[in-house]
Amino acid sequence: MKTNELKKGAQVLLRNGWKATIEDNMRGNIRMCTVYGDYTEMGSVYAHDIVARQSGIQWMHDIELTKSQQQCMDINQKLGLGH
């Protein structure tokens, strides 16, 4: 599933292990999410930091990036901003 297909309300798992809820129906490199980490906050999340989606009680690791999102991740890694 492409990250652009994730709809508002979808539960996702982030690269750092935190869980989040998608808060928009937008497409692109950045999605608005409520992140449940050390604190619960709403903010922008890079699409390439989404690694799984919840389907029922299972985590589905079928997330795919678009070409643009992959390029964004590559640039962030070259700048030392990625994982």
C-alpha atoms as a PDB file:
ATOM      1  CA  MET A   1       0.000   0.000   0.000  1.00  0.00           C
ATOM      2  CA  LYS A   2       1.317   3.439  -0.910  1.00  0.00           C
ATOM      3  CA  THR A   3       1.504   6.017   1.872  1.00  0.00           C
ATOM      4  CA  ASN A   4      -0.727   8.245  -0.269  1.00  0.00           C
ATOM      5  CA  GLU A   5      -3.523   5.665   0.129  1.00  0.00           C
ATOM      6  CA  LEU A   6      -3.576   5.948   3.935  1.00  0.00           C
ATOM      7  CA  LYS A   7      -6.757   7.731   5.005  1.00  0.00           C
ATOM      8  CA  LYS A   8      -7.592   9.895   8.003  1.00  0.00           C
ATOM      9  CA  GLY A   9      -7.914   7.747  11.122  1.00  0.00           C
ATOM     10  CA  ALA A  10      -5.489   5.046   9.966  1.00  0.00           C
ATOM     11  CA  GLN A  11      -3.221   3.726  12.714  1.00  0.00           C
ATOM     12  CA  VAL A  12       0.425   3.535  11.626  1.00  0.00           C
ATOM     13  CA  LEU A  13       3.782   2.523  13.053  1.00  0.00           C
ATOM     14  CA  LEU A  14       6.690   4.924  12.651  1.00  0.00           C
ATOM     15  CA  ARG A  15      10.327   4.047  11.953  1.00  0.00           C
ATOM     16  CA  ASN A  16      11.308   4.952  15.543  1.00  0.00           C
ATOM     17  CA  GLY A  17       8.747   2.494  16.985  1.00  0.00           C
ATOM     18  CA  TRP A  18       6.122   5.035  18.013  1.00  0.00           C
ATOM     19  CA  LYS A  19       2.505   4.704  16.926  1.00  0.00           C
ATOM     20  CA  ALA A  20       0.538   7.434  15.191  1.00  0.00           C
ATOM     21  CA  THR A  21      -2.902   8.235  13.774  1.00  0.00           C
ATOM     22  CA  ILE A  22      -3.162   9.848  10.331  1.00  0.00           C
ATOM     23  CA  GLU A  23      -5.048  13.167  10.654  1.00  0.00           C
ATOM     24  CA  ASP A  24      -5.393  14.165   6.990  1.00  0.00           C
ATOM     25  CA  ASN A  25      -6.266  12.747   3.579  1.00  0.00           C
ATOM     26  CA  MET A  26      -3.422  14.555   1.840  1.00  0.00           C
ATOM     27  CA  ARG A  27      -0.790  13.091  -0.447  1.00  0.00           C
ATOM     28  CA  GLY A  28       2.903  13.811  -0.678  1.00  0.00           C
ATOM     29  CA  ASN A  29       6.073  13.704   1.387  1.00  0.00           C
ATOM     30  CA  ILE A  30       4.557  14.985   4.641  1.00  0.00           C
ATOM     31  CA  ARG A  31       1.459  13.761   6.498  1.00  0.00           C
ATOM     32  CA  MET A  32      -0.244  15.277   9.547  1.00  0.00           C
ATOM     33  CA  CYS A  33      -0.359  12.783  12.422  1.00  0.00           C
ATOM     34  CA  THR A  34      -1.097  12.497  16.114  1.00  0.00           C
ATOM     35  CA  VAL A  35       2.016  10.759  17.441  1.00  0.00           C
ATOM     36  CA  TYR A  36       1.949   8.681  20.616  1.00  0.00           C
ATOM     37  CA  GLY A  37       5.535   8.748  21.876  1.00  0.00           C
ATOM     38  CA  ASP A  38       7.066  10.221  25.009  1.00  0.00           C
ATOM     39  CA  TYR A  39       4.221  12.731  24.730  1.00  0.00           C
ATOM     40  CA  THR A  40       1.100  12.767  22.567  1.00  0.00           C
ATOM     41  CA  GLU A  41       1.452  15.503  19.953  1.00  0.00           C
ATOM     42  CA  MET A  42       0.069  16.373  16.543  1.00  0.00           C
ATOM     43  CA  GLY A  43       2.469  17.401  13.827  1.00  0.00           C
ATOM     44  CA  SER A  44       4.052  16.741  10.473  1.00  0.00           C
ATOM     45  CA  VAL A  45       5.579  13.327   9.787  1.00  0.00           C
ATOM     46  CA  TYR A  46       7.651  12.398   6.748  1.00  0.00           C
ATOM     47  CA  ALA A  47       5.849   9.725   4.727  1.00  0.00           C
ATOM     48  CA  HIS A  48       9.082   7.709   4.577  1.00  0.00           C
ATOM     49  CA  ASP A  49       8.993   7.366   8.381  1.00  0.00           C
ATOM     50  CA  ILE A  50       5.759   5.328   8.150  1.00  0.00           C
ATOM     51  CA  VAL A  51       6.707   1.641   8.090  1.00  0.00           C
ATOM     52  CA  ALA A  52       3.481  -0.250   8.838  1.00  0.00           C
ATOM     53  CA  ARG A  53      -0.282   0.159   9.107  1.00  0.00           C
ATOM     54  CA  GLN A  54      -2.699  -1.515  11.464  1.00  0.00           C
ATOM     55  CA  SER A  55      -5.324  -3.808   9.988  1.00  0.00           C
ATOM     56  CA  GLY A  56      -7.531  -5.208  12.730  1.00  0.00           C
ATOM     57  CA  ILE A  57      -5.112  -6.419  15.387  1.00  0.00           C
ATOM     58  CA  GLN A  58      -2.206  -7.040  12.973  1.00  0.00           C
ATOM     59  CA  TRP A  59       0.497  -4.695  11.746  1.00  0.00           C
ATOM     60  CA  MET A  60       0.819  -4.873   7.970  1.00  0.00           C
ATOM     61  CA  HIS A  61       4.355  -4.093   6.785  1.00  0.00           C
ATOM     62  CA  ASP A  62       3.237  -3.478   3.200  1.00  0.00           C
ATOM     63  CA  ILE A  63       3.969   0.257   3.020  1.00  0.00           C
ATOM     64  CA  GLU A  64       5.488   1.427  -0.262  1.00  0.00           C
ATOM     65  CA  LEU A  65       6.941   4.837  -1.071  1.00  0.00           C
ATOM     66  CA  THR A  66       6.308   6.825  -4.221  1.00  0.00           C
ATOM     67  CA  LYS A  67       9.307   7.850  -6.310  1.00  0.00           C
ATOM     68  CA  SER A  68       9.170  11.381  -4.848  1.00  0.00           C
ATOM     69  CA  GLN A  69       9.005  10.061  -1.273  1.00  0.00           C
ATOM     70  CA  GLN A  70      11.991   7.757  -1.922  1.00  0.00           C
ATOM     71  CA  GLN A  71      13.977  10.732  -3.279  1.00  0.00           C
ATOM     72  CA  CYS A  72      13.074  12.767  -0.175  1.00  0.00           C
ATOM     73  CA  MET A  73      14.294   9.925   2.077  1.00  0.00           C
ATOM     74  CA  ASP A  74      17.546   9.622   0.099  1.00  0.00           C
ATOM     75  CA  ILE A  75      18.216  13.368   0.413  1.00  0.00           C
ATOM     76  CA  ASN A  76      17.512  13.307   4.169  1.00  0.00           C
ATOM     77  CA  GLN A  77      19.904  10.381   4.613  1.00  0.00           C
ATOM     78  CA  LYS A  78      22.648  12.149   2.639  1.00  0.00           C
ATOM     79  CA  LEU A  79      22.206  15.196   4.860  1.00  0.00           C
ATOM     80  CA  GLY A  80      22.404  13.025   7.970  1.00  0.00           C
ATOM     81  CA  LEU A  81      18.754  13.635   8.861  1.00  0.00           C
ATOM     82  CA  GLY A  82      17.477  10.125   8.164  1.00  0.00           C
ATOM     83  CA  HIS A  83      17.739   6.775   9.866  1.00  0.00           C
END
